[in-house]
């Protein structure tokens, strides 16, 4: 499934920075103009959200989750040392709010009931990502400039979550009761409303489970109810993904376009990620990354999976690109889809729900299904043997905390190269006070980057509000956040 040509004109006029120049050019079709119809604005909203996810969320969150680190030859490593400014988030915020949500909101208000529900489900995903990355954001008064609301108030993050769950229930009811037909504007599921309903139930489970550690009593009953319906993303053809053709000059994957329009691909494997995979004898590393030309430890004739300590490339002296592992075609390519929600992500959610709340799912079966689905999608071999290994085998008799740690680590691994934004967010959530599996200063998975601006064991939480928001939306909350150490309401 490849993205349709009339997606091309939408990447215009967002105030993108210079490294997006090539992206603007390859997505501009001078022979066509987008007309404000529900169909056109839905396609535009999808395109802008794909840009936001892959060019911004995945780019930065891949560093924060420590899948990637800056490689040789480039000194642009401020982000991985957590030296950020609020201007860094201007383009990301605009792609989400000024573009994706605005376009989807037009379809919500002007489309038929099926189109409106479809736009509502996707906008729920956009809103959750905004809340997960920024905390409190304008919601109730957002997108109401035509009504004269130019300084929308900020809503409480948890309250927004509650509203999104209600929206999903309403959209599910519409789609389950409609006989309307969706046309070519549905570039995600090609008009298959059953898949949209599965997306909505999966997104609802995601919203509930994100809160499940800090407030289990609040969500337990709703989790059990949504699991009992059993209508989720389960197969590869149900994965929520924005497709790209990779056609030169027209329709590149957003991450590829952004990097190749600037300094190119300069990220390599992070030592944090490599060390976990090696400890588990996990074969997926050399599928997500290409082997380095030299062999150090494994004896693999094709080379090793070799990374660098976070922020540490400048400390190595004279090195060359061939000494390290770069993202493979699985993780980086002009025709790669942008995955919003995968079947393995949902299986992990169901495994966790069964473990925490005793739902109708079998936790071991869901855990195994999640890892197997990820192996299958990326083309890795040996899933059955990996699942049977002592370090990976799921033992339902262990403590909930031990099982939570195991699910959390495996989920983090499975998001690398495809859903970095989700891997970063879930590493925050699974990092509980009982076992700081990711951020413990002594033996946590994540390393304190060389010359980090924070102390040992301190890692990013919420983003700064962008400079455009602090300048133009005159609300006090905009200037209150001065550090990226603040936590989301669901964070531990």
Protein backbone atom coordinates (compact mmCIF):
# COMPACT_ATOMS: atom_id res chain seq x y z
CA UNK A 1 0.00 0.00 0.00
CA UNK A 2 1.62 3.26 -1.12
CA UNK A 3 0.66 6.82 -0.37
CA UNK A 4 -1.42 8.58 -3.03
CA UNK A 5 -0.06 11.39 -5.15
CA UNK A 6 -2.36 14.03 -3.75
CA UNK A 7 -0.55 13.86 -0.44
CA UNK A 8 2.33 15.70 -2.11
CA UNK A 9 1.23 19.33 -1.88
CA UNK A 10 0.63 19.33 1.86
CA UNK A 11 4.16 19.78 3.18
CA UNK A 12 4.15 23.52 2.57
CA UNK A 13 4.63 26.66 4.61
CA UNK A 14 5.13 25.29 8.11
CA UNK A 15 8.13 27.42 8.93
CA UNK A 16 10.41 24.39 8.80
CA UNK A 17 14.12 24.83 9.42
CA UNK A 18 16.75 24.73 6.69
CA UNK A 19 17.39 21.00 6.83
CA UNK A 20 13.78 20.54 5.69
CA UNK A 21 14.38 22.39 2.40
CA UNK A 22 14.68 19.16 0.45
CA UNK A 23 11.59 17.77 2.13
CA UNK A 24 9.61 20.81 1.04
CA UNK A 25 10.78 20.41 -2.52
CA UNK A 26 10.12 16.68 -2.85
CA UNK A 27 6.61 17.03 -1.50
CA UNK A 28 5.54 19.97 -3.65
CA UNK A 29 3.40 19.33 -6.71
CA UNK A 30 3.07 22.67 -8.57
CA UNK A 31 0.32 21.29 -10.81
CA UNK A 32 -2.18 20.62 -8.03
CA UNK A 33 -3.69 22.62 -5.20
CA UNK A 34 -5.27 21.17 -2.11
CA UNK A 35 -8.96 22.09 -1.93
CA UNK A 36 -10.50 22.32 1.53
CA UNK A 37 -12.64 19.22 1.37
CA UNK A 38 -12.97 16.62 4.14
CA UNK A 39 -11.14 14.14 1.92
CA UNK A 40 -8.22 16.47 1.14
CA UNK A 41 -7.80 17.71 4.71
CA UNK A 42 -7.80 14.15 6.02
CA UNK A 43 -4.96 13.23 3.67
CA UNK A 44 -3.15 16.43 4.62
CA UNK A 45 -3.58 15.71 8.34
CA UNK A 46 -2.24 12.19 7.92
CA UNK A 47 0.78 13.48 5.98
CA UNK A 48 1.62 16.13 8.54
CA UNK A 49 1.31 13.69 11.40
CA UNK A 50 3.61 11.25 9.63
CA UNK A 51 6.08 14.09 9.32
CA UNK A 52 5.72 14.97 13.01
CA UNK A 53 6.20 11.37 14.15
CA UNK A 54 9.16 10.35 12.03
CA UNK A 55 11.04 13.59 11.46
CA UNK A 56 10.70 14.82 15.05
CA UNK A 57 9.38 12.40 17.67
CA UNK A 58 11.32 9.38 16.41
CA UNK A 59 14.42 11.45 15.66
CA UNK A 60 14.82 12.85 19.17
CA UNK A 61 13.21 10.02 21.11
CA UNK A 62 15.56 7.55 19.44
CA UNK A 63 18.38 9.40 21.20
CA UNK A 64 16.53 9.73 24.50
CA UNK A 65 15.67 6.00 24.45
CA UNK A 66 19.34 5.38 23.61
CA UNK A 67 18.81 3.28 20.52
CA UNK A 68 21.07 5.67 18.61
CA UNK A 69 24.06 7.88 19.32
CA UNK A 70 25.91 10.44 17.25
CA UNK A 71 28.50 8.87 14.98
CA UNK A 72 31.87 9.93 13.60
CA UNK A 73 32.31 13.05 11.52
CA UNK A 74 29.47 15.14 12.94
CA UNK A 75 29.49 17.23 16.09
CA UNK A 76 25.71 17.76 16.33
CA UNK A 77 25.27 15.89 19.57
CA UNK A 78 23.74 18.51 21.88
CA UNK A 79 20.43 16.64 21.98
CA UNK A 80 21.90 13.39 23.24
CA UNK A 81 23.65 15.33 26.00
CA UNK A 82 20.28 16.92 26.82
CA UNK A 83 21.34 20.44 25.93
CA UNK A 84 18.10 21.68 24.40
CA UNK A 85 16.33 25.00 23.89
CA UNK A 86 12.66 25.74 23.43
CA UNK A 87 13.29 26.78 19.82
CA UNK A 88 14.18 23.12 19.13
CA UNK A 89 10.50 22.19 19.35
CA UNK A 90 8.91 24.87 17.16
CA UNK A 91 8.62 22.72 14.03
CA UNK A 92 7.48 19.62 15.93
CA UNK A 93 4.72 21.52 17.70
CA UNK A 94 3.57 23.22 14.48
CA UNK A 95 3.42 19.94 12.55
CA UNK A 96 1.15 18.50 15.23
CA UNK A 97 -1.08 21.44 16.07
CA UNK A 98 -1.08 24.00 13.24
CA UNK A 99 -1.11 21.28 10.61
CA UNK A 100 -2.16 17.74 11.54
CA UNK A 101 -4.79 18.53 14.18
CA UNK A 102 -6.11 21.54 12.28
CA UNK A 103 -6.59 19.50 9.11
CA UNK A 104 -8.14 16.55 10.92
CA UNK A 105 -10.43 18.91 12.80
CA UNK A 106 -11.81 20.21 9.48
CA UNK A 107 -12.67 16.63 8.49
CA UNK A 108 -14.22 16.01 11.91
CA UNK A 109 -16.51 19.00 11.47
CA UNK A 110 -17.29 18.75 7.75
CA UNK A 111 -17.01 15.10 6.74
CA UNK A 112 -19.70 12.47 6.80
CA UNK A 113 -20.06 10.50 10.01
CA UNK A 114 -17.56 7.80 8.99
CA UNK A 115 -14.97 10.35 7.88
CA UNK A 116 -15.47 12.36 11.06
CA UNK A 117 -15.02 9.27 13.25
CA UNK A 118 -11.93 8.23 11.33
CA UNK A 119 -10.41 11.71 11.78
CA UNK A 120 -11.37 11.67 15.46
CA UNK A 121 -9.59 8.35 16.07
CA UNK A 122 -6.40 9.54 14.42
CA UNK A 123 -6.54 12.92 16.17
CA UNK A 124 -6.79 11.04 19.48
CA UNK A 125 -3.42 9.48 18.71
CA UNK A 126 -2.01 12.94 17.94
CA UNK A 127 -3.39 14.39 21.17
CA UNK A 128 -2.01 11.54 23.26
CA UNK A 129 1.45 12.03 21.81
CA UNK A 130 1.28 15.75 22.54
CA UNK A 131 0.26 15.10 26.14
CA UNK A 132 2.86 12.37 26.58
CA UNK A 133 5.63 14.66 25.35
CA UNK A 134 4.51 18.05 26.75
CA UNK A 135 2.11 17.39 29.63
CA UNK A 136 -0.65 19.98 29.93
CA UNK A 137 -1.54 21.39 26.50
CA UNK A 138 -4.38 23.48 25.05
CA UNK A 139 -7.27 21.12 24.33
CA UNK A 140 -10.78 22.38 25.11
CA UNK A 141 -10.07 25.79 23.56
CA UNK A 142 -7.59 24.55 20.94
CA UNK A 143 -8.30 24.92 17.21
CA UNK A 144 -10.88 27.61 17.86
CA UNK A 145 -9.16 30.62 16.33
CA UNK A 146 -12.17 31.26 14.08
CA UNK A 147 -14.17 31.85 17.26
CA UNK A 148 -11.67 34.45 18.42
CA UNK A 149 -9.83 32.19 20.89
CA UNK A 150 -6.24 33.09 20.10
CA UNK A 151 -4.74 32.25 23.49
CA UNK A 152 -6.27 28.85 24.28
CA UNK A 153 -6.10 27.79 27.90
CA UNK A 154 -4.05 24.78 28.90
CA UNK A 155 -5.94 21.71 30.08
CA UNK A 156 -4.79 19.23 32.70
CA UNK A 157 -3.01 16.30 31.04
CA UNK A 158 -4.92 13.57 32.87
CA UNK A 159 -8.23 15.27 32.13
CA UNK A 160 -7.34 15.30 28.44
CA UNK A 161 -6.68 11.56 28.63
CA UNK A 162 -10.14 11.03 30.11
CA UNK A 163 -11.70 13.05 27.29
CA UNK A 164 -9.83 11.07 24.66
CA UNK A 165 -11.20 7.78 26.01
CA UNK A 166 -14.73 9.18 25.71
CA UNK A 167 -14.03 10.36 22.15
CA UNK A 168 -12.86 6.89 21.16
CA UNK A 169 -16.00 5.28 22.58
CA UNK A 170 -18.11 7.71 20.55
CA UNK A 171 -16.13 7.06 17.36
CA UNK A 172 -16.37 3.29 17.82
CA UNK A 173 -20.15 3.56 18.18
CA UNK A 174 -20.37 5.59 14.97
CA UNK A 175 -18.24 3.23 12.90
CA UNK A 176 -19.99 0.13 14.21
CA UNK A 177 -23.35 1.59 13.20
CA UNK A 178 -22.63 3.31 9.89
CA UNK A 179 -23.11 2.05 6.36
CA UNK A 180 -21.17 4.91 4.82
CA UNK A 181 -18.23 4.11 2.54
CA UNK A 182 -14.79 5.67 2.81
CA UNK A 183 -12.94 6.41 -0.42
CA UNK A 184 -9.34 7.00 -1.51
CA UNK A 185 -8.78 9.53 1.26
CA UNK A 186 -8.16 6.64 3.64
CA UNK A 187 -4.49 6.13 2.87
CA UNK A 188 -3.98 4.11 6.06
CA UNK A 189 -6.59 1.33 5.79
CA UNK A 190 -8.06 1.89 2.31
CA UNK A 191 -11.60 2.26 3.63
CA UNK A 192 -11.64 -0.81 5.89
CA UNK A 193 -13.73 0.42 8.83
CA UNK A 194 -13.16 -2.77 10.82
CA UNK A 195 -9.47 -1.86 10.98
CA UNK A 196 -10.35 1.63 12.17
CA UNK A 197 -12.44 0.14 14.95
CA UNK A 198 -9.53 -2.13 15.90
CA UNK A 199 -7.27 0.92 15.92
CA UNK A 200 -9.71 2.73 18.23
CA UNK A 201 -9.91 -0.15 20.72
CA UNK A 202 -6.12 -0.52 20.65
CA UNK A 203 -5.64 3.20 21.19
CA UNK A 204 -8.10 3.09 24.09
CA UNK A 205 -6.13 0.27 25.69
CA UNK A 206 -2.96 2.31 25.19
CA UNK A 207 -4.46 5.34 26.96
CA UNK A 208 -5.63 3.21 29.88
CA UNK A 209 -2.45 1.18 30.28
CA UNK A 210 -0.25 4.27 30.21
CA UNK A 211 -1.86 5.11 33.56
CA UNK A 212 -1.90 1.56 34.91
CA UNK A 213 1.18 1.75 37.15
CA UNK A 214 0.50 5.10 38.84
CA UNK A 215 -3.28 4.66 39.13
CA UNK A 216 -4.29 1.01 38.72
CA UNK A 217 -7.61 1.31 40.55
CA UNK A 218 -8.78 4.03 38.17
CA UNK A 219 -8.30 2.00 35.00
CA UNK A 220 -8.65 -1.66 36.05
CA UNK A 221 -12.35 -2.05 35.23
CA UNK A 222 -12.10 -0.27 31.88
CA UNK A 223 -9.05 -2.32 30.91
CA UNK A 224 -10.93 -5.54 31.65
CA UNK A 225 -13.91 -4.30 29.65
CA UNK A 226 -11.92 -3.36 26.55
CA UNK A 227 -9.99 -6.64 26.68
CA UNK A 228 -13.27 -8.55 26.86
CA UNK A 229 -14.30 -7.06 23.51
CA UNK A 230 -11.18 -8.59 21.96
CA UNK A 231 -11.11 -6.39 18.88
CA UNK A 232 -7.55 -5.21 18.46
CA UNK A 233 -4.73 -4.78 15.99
CA UNK A 234 -3.44 -8.34 15.70
CA UNK A 235 -1.98 -8.99 12.24
CA UNK A 236 0.51 -7.16 10.06
CA UNK A 237 -2.19 -5.95 7.67
CA UNK A 238 -3.89 -4.21 10.61
CA UNK A 239 -0.80 -2.23 11.68
CA UNK A 240 -1.54 1.49 11.76
CA UNK A 241 1.07 2.90 9.39
CA UNK A 242 1.42 5.82 7.01
CA UNK A 243 2.88 4.45 3.76
CA UNK A 244 5.49 6.15 1.60
CA UNK A 245 6.44 5.22 -1.95
CA UNK A 246 10.06 6.36 -1.80
CA UNK A 247 9.68 7.71 -5.29
CA UNK A 248 12.58 10.08 -5.89
CA UNK A 249 11.58 13.71 -5.91
CA UNK A 250 8.07 13.02 -4.72
CA UNK A 251 7.38 10.99 -1.63
CA UNK A 252 10.24 10.11 0.67
CA UNK A 253 9.87 8.82 4.21
CA UNK A 254 10.00 11.93 6.48
CA UNK A 255 13.03 10.88 8.55
CA UNK A 256 14.95 9.95 5.42
CA UNK A 257 13.99 13.21 3.71
CA UNK A 258 14.98 15.34 6.67
CA UNK A 259 18.36 13.71 7.16
CA UNK A 260 19.28 13.41 3.50
CA UNK A 261 18.24 17.02 3.00
CA UNK A 262 20.77 18.00 5.65
CA UNK A 263 23.95 16.29 6.79
CA UNK A 264 22.83 12.75 6.00
CA UNK A 265 22.64 9.68 8.21
CA UNK A 266 25.12 10.14 11.03
CA UNK A 267 23.48 8.13 13.83
CA UNK A 268 24.96 4.80 14.86
CA UNK A 269 23.99 2.13 17.36
CA UNK A 270 24.05 3.16 21.00
CA UNK A 271 26.17 1.11 23.34
CA UNK A 272 23.20 1.03 25.73
CA UNK A 273 21.10 -0.85 23.17
CA UNK A 274 23.94 -3.07 22.01
CA UNK A 275 24.85 -4.21 25.53
CA UNK A 276 21.28 -5.31 26.30
CA UNK A 277 20.99 -7.28 23.06
CA UNK A 278 24.33 -8.96 23.64
CA UNK A 279 23.34 -9.89 27.19
CA UNK A 280 20.20 -11.58 25.88
CA UNK A 281 21.85 -13.11 22.78
CA UNK A 282 19.17 -11.26 20.85
CA UNK A 283 19.53 -11.72 17.07
CA UNK A 284 17.52 -8.63 16.18
CA UNK A 285 20.42 -6.21 16.55
CA UNK A 286 21.99 -7.18 13.25
CA UNK A 287 18.62 -6.87 11.54
CA UNK A 288 17.86 -3.38 12.84
CA UNK A 289 21.47 -2.33 12.31
CA UNK A 290 24.01 -3.25 9.66
CA UNK A 291 27.19 -4.94 10.93
CA UNK A 292 30.34 -2.90 11.31
CA UNK A 293 33.07 -3.90 8.89
CA UNK A 294 35.33 -5.13 11.64
CA UNK A 295 34.76 -8.06 13.99
CA UNK A 296 35.62 -7.69 17.66
CA UNK A 297 33.93 -10.34 19.75
CA UNK A 298 31.35 -12.47 18.00
CA UNK A 299 33.39 -14.09 15.28
CA UNK A 300 30.59 -13.22 12.88
CA UNK A 301 32.26 -13.07 9.44
CA UNK A 302 29.88 -10.30 8.45
CA UNK A 303 31.05 -8.13 11.34
CA UNK A 304 29.74 -7.20 14.77
CA UNK A 305 26.99 -5.00 16.09
CA UNK A 306 29.18 -2.16 17.32
CA UNK A 307 27.99 1.06 18.94
CA UNK A 308 29.28 3.96 20.96
CA UNK A 309 28.57 5.30 24.43
CA UNK A 310 25.93 8.01 24.46
CA UNK A 311 27.50 11.36 23.62
CA UNK A 312 30.93 9.76 23.54
CA UNK A 313 31.99 9.82 19.90
CA UNK A 314 34.31 12.77 20.43
CA UNK A 315 36.18 10.89 23.15
CA UNK A 316 37.30 8.07 20.84
CA UNK A 317 39.85 9.97 18.82
CA UNK A 318 40.44 8.92 15.22
CA UNK A 319 37.62 6.62 14.12
CA UNK A 320 35.94 5.92 10.80
CA UNK A 321 32.36 5.17 9.84
CA UNK A 322 33.11 1.53 9.06
CA UNK A 323 33.99 0.94 12.72
CA UNK A 324 30.32 1.20 13.74
CA UNK A 325 26.87 -0.17 12.99
CA UNK A 326 24.46 2.14 11.18
CA UNK A 327 20.67 1.67 10.94
CA UNK A 328 19.76 -0.94 8.34
CA UNK A 329 17.06 -0.63 5.69
CA UNK A 330 14.61 -1.89 8.32
CA UNK A 331 15.10 1.28 10.35
CA UNK A 332 16.05 3.83 7.72
CA UNK A 333 14.96 4.13 4.11
CA UNK A 334 13.16 6.34 1.64
CA UNK A 335 10.16 3.99 1.34
CA UNK A 336 9.77 3.02 4.99
CA UNK A 337 6.29 3.28 6.48
CA UNK A 338 5.76 5.45 9.55
CA UNK A 339 4.25 3.11 12.13
CA UNK A 340 1.81 4.71 14.56
CA UNK A 341 0.70 1.50 16.28
CA UNK A 342 1.94 -2.04 15.65
CA UNK A 343 0.50 -5.44 16.43
CA UNK A 344 3.46 -6.24 18.70
CA UNK A 345 2.86 -3.04 20.68
CA UNK A 346 -0.74 -4.10 21.26
CA UNK A 347 0.24 -7.63 22.23
CA UNK A 348 2.63 -6.18 24.81
CA UNK A 349 -0.21 -4.03 26.17
CA UNK A 350 -2.43 -7.09 26.43
CA UNK A 351 0.31 -9.10 28.16
CA UNK A 352 0.77 -6.32 30.68
CA UNK A 353 -2.98 -5.95 31.21
CA UNK A 354 -3.29 -9.67 31.91
CA UNK A 355 -0.37 -9.53 34.32
CA UNK A 356 -1.62 -6.48 36.25
CA UNK A 357 -5.37 -6.99 36.16
CA UNK A 358 -5.99 -10.68 35.45
CA UNK A 359 -7.87 -10.02 32.23
CA UNK A 360 -9.23 -12.70 29.90
CA UNK A 361 -5.97 -12.81 27.93
CA UNK A 362 -3.17 -15.23 28.77
CA UNK A 363 -0.16 -13.11 29.73
CA UNK A 364 2.44 -15.62 28.53
CA UNK A 365 0.72 -16.11 25.18
CA UNK A 366 0.45 -12.34 24.65
CA UNK A 367 4.12 -11.78 25.58
CA UNK A 368 5.24 -14.50 23.18
CA UNK A 369 2.94 -13.17 20.45
CA UNK A 370 4.41 -9.68 20.83
CA UNK A 371 8.01 -10.76 20.39
CA UNK A 372 7.15 -13.19 17.60
CA UNK A 373 5.23 -10.49 15.71
CA UNK A 374 8.21 -8.16 15.91
CA UNK A 375 10.62 -10.85 14.72
CA UNK A 376 8.32 -11.57 11.79
CA UNK A 377 7.88 -7.94 10.78
CA UNK A 378 11.58 -7.11 10.65
CA UNK A 379 12.53 -10.47 9.12
CA UNK A 380 14.57 -11.78 12.04
CA UNK A 381 15.02 -15.52 12.50
CA UNK A 382 14.99 -17.60 15.66
CA UNK A 383 12.01 -16.26 17.59
CA UNK A 384 11.08 -19.64 19.09
CA UNK A 385 14.59 -20.32 20.36
CA UNK A 386 14.91 -16.81 21.71
CA UNK A 387 11.64 -17.09 23.63
CA UNK A 388 12.78 -20.38 25.14
CA UNK A 389 16.10 -18.99 26.39
CA UNK A 390 16.49 -18.57 30.13
CA UNK A 391 16.88 -14.79 29.96
CA UNK A 392 13.74 -14.27 27.87
CA UNK A 393 11.41 -17.10 28.91
CA UNK A 394 8.28 -15.67 30.51
CA UNK A 395 7.54 -17.25 33.89
CA UNK A 396 4.01 -16.37 34.98
CA UNK A 397 4.81 -17.48 38.54
CA UNK A 398 7.32 -14.66 39.10
CA UNK A 399 6.42 -11.49 40.97
CA UNK A 400 4.48 -8.83 39.13
CA UNK A 401 7.46 -6.49 39.42
CA UNK A 402 9.81 -9.01 37.81
CA UNK A 403 7.33 -9.60 35.01
CA UNK A 404 6.80 -5.87 34.56
CA UNK A 405 10.55 -5.41 34.17
CA UNK A 406 10.72 -8.21 31.63
CA UNK A 407 7.82 -6.87 29.56
CA UNK A 408 9.27 -3.36 29.75
CA UNK A 409 12.70 -4.35 28.47
CA UNK A 410 11.33 -6.48 25.65
CA UNK A 411 8.93 -3.75 24.61
CA UNK A 412 11.77 -1.22 24.60
CA UNK A 413 13.83 -3.51 22.35
CA UNK A 414 10.92 -4.05 19.98
CA UNK A 415 10.34 -0.34 19.36
CA UNK A 416 13.88 0.36 18.10
CA UNK A 417 14.10 1.64 14.56
CA UNK A 418 10.35 1.62 14.00
CA UNK A 419 8.53 3.27 16.91
CA UNK A 420 11.22 5.10 18.80
CA UNK A 421 8.71 7.53 20.29
CA UNK A 422 6.84 4.67 21.95
CA UNK A 423 10.03 3.00 23.16
CA UNK A 424 11.13 6.21 24.85
CA UNK A 425 7.75 6.85 26.51
CA UNK A 426 7.42 3.28 27.74
CA UNK A 427 10.96 3.25 29.12
CA UNK A 428 9.82 6.14 31.30
CA UNK A 429 6.70 4.32 32.45
CA UNK A 430 8.28 0.93 33.19
CA UNK A 431 11.11 2.57 35.12
CA UNK A 432 9.44 2.28 38.52
CA UNK A 433 10.74 3.28 41.96
CA UNK A 434 10.89 -0.41 42.91
CA UNK A 435 13.39 -1.22 40.15
CA UNK A 436 14.90 1.57 38.10
CA UNK A 437 15.64 -0.81 35.23
CA UNK A 438 16.38 2.02 32.84
CA UNK A 439 17.71 4.93 34.89
CA UNK A 440 19.45 3.45 37.92
CA UNK A 441 22.76 5.29 38.22
CA UNK A 442 24.66 2.06 38.93
CA UNK A 443 23.20 -0.65 36.72
CA UNK A 444 20.35 0.91 34.71
CA UNK A 445 20.11 0.26 30.96
CA UNK A 446 20.50 3.93 30.02
CA UNK A 447 23.92 5.52 30.34
CA UNK A 448 24.53 9.05 31.52
CA UNK A 449 25.83 10.69 28.34
CA UNK A 450 29.33 12.09 28.26
CA UNK A 451 29.20 15.68 29.51
CA UNK A 452 25.48 15.45 30.17
CA UNK A 453 23.92 18.65 31.45
CA UNK A 454 22.24 16.56 34.18
CA UNK A 455 23.59 14.49 37.02
CA UNK A 456 23.95 10.72 37.17
CA UNK A 457 20.63 8.91 36.91
CA UNK A 458 18.81 11.98 35.54
CA UNK A 459 17.16 11.62 32.14
CA UNK A 460 14.67 13.65 30.09
CA UNK A 461 10.97 13.64 30.80
CA UNK A 462 8.67 16.25 29.25
CA UNK A 463 9.79 18.59 26.51
CA UNK A 464 10.05 22.34 26.92
CA UNK A 465 7.14 24.27 25.48
CA UNK A 466 8.26 25.62 22.11
CA UNK A 467 9.35 29.21 21.71
CA UNK A 468 6.47 29.92 19.32
CA UNK A 469 3.98 28.86 21.98
CA UNK A 470 5.59 30.87 24.77
CA UNK A 471 5.69 33.93 22.52
CA UNK A 472 2.22 33.85 21.00
CA UNK A 473 0.00 32.10 23.54
CA UNK A 474 0.14 34.34 26.56
CA UNK A 475 -0.50 31.82 29.32
CA UNK A 476 1.70 31.60 32.39
CA UNK A 477 2.16 27.86 32.02
CA UNK A 478 4.29 28.46 28.94
CA UNK A 479 7.10 30.06 30.89
CA UNK A 480 6.86 27.82 33.96
CA UNK A 481 8.89 24.92 32.53
CA UNK A 482 12.62 25.53 32.38
CA UNK A 483 13.90 21.95 32.37
CA UNK A 484 13.15 18.71 30.53
CA UNK A 485 13.34 16.77 33.81
CA UNK A 486 9.65 17.30 34.61
CA UNK A 487 7.52 14.16 34.43
CA UNK A 488 4.28 13.25 32.73
CA UNK A 489 1.36 12.54 35.04
CA UNK A 490 1.72 8.79 34.36
CA UNK A 491 5.48 8.78 34.92
CA UNK A 492 7.03 7.22 37.98
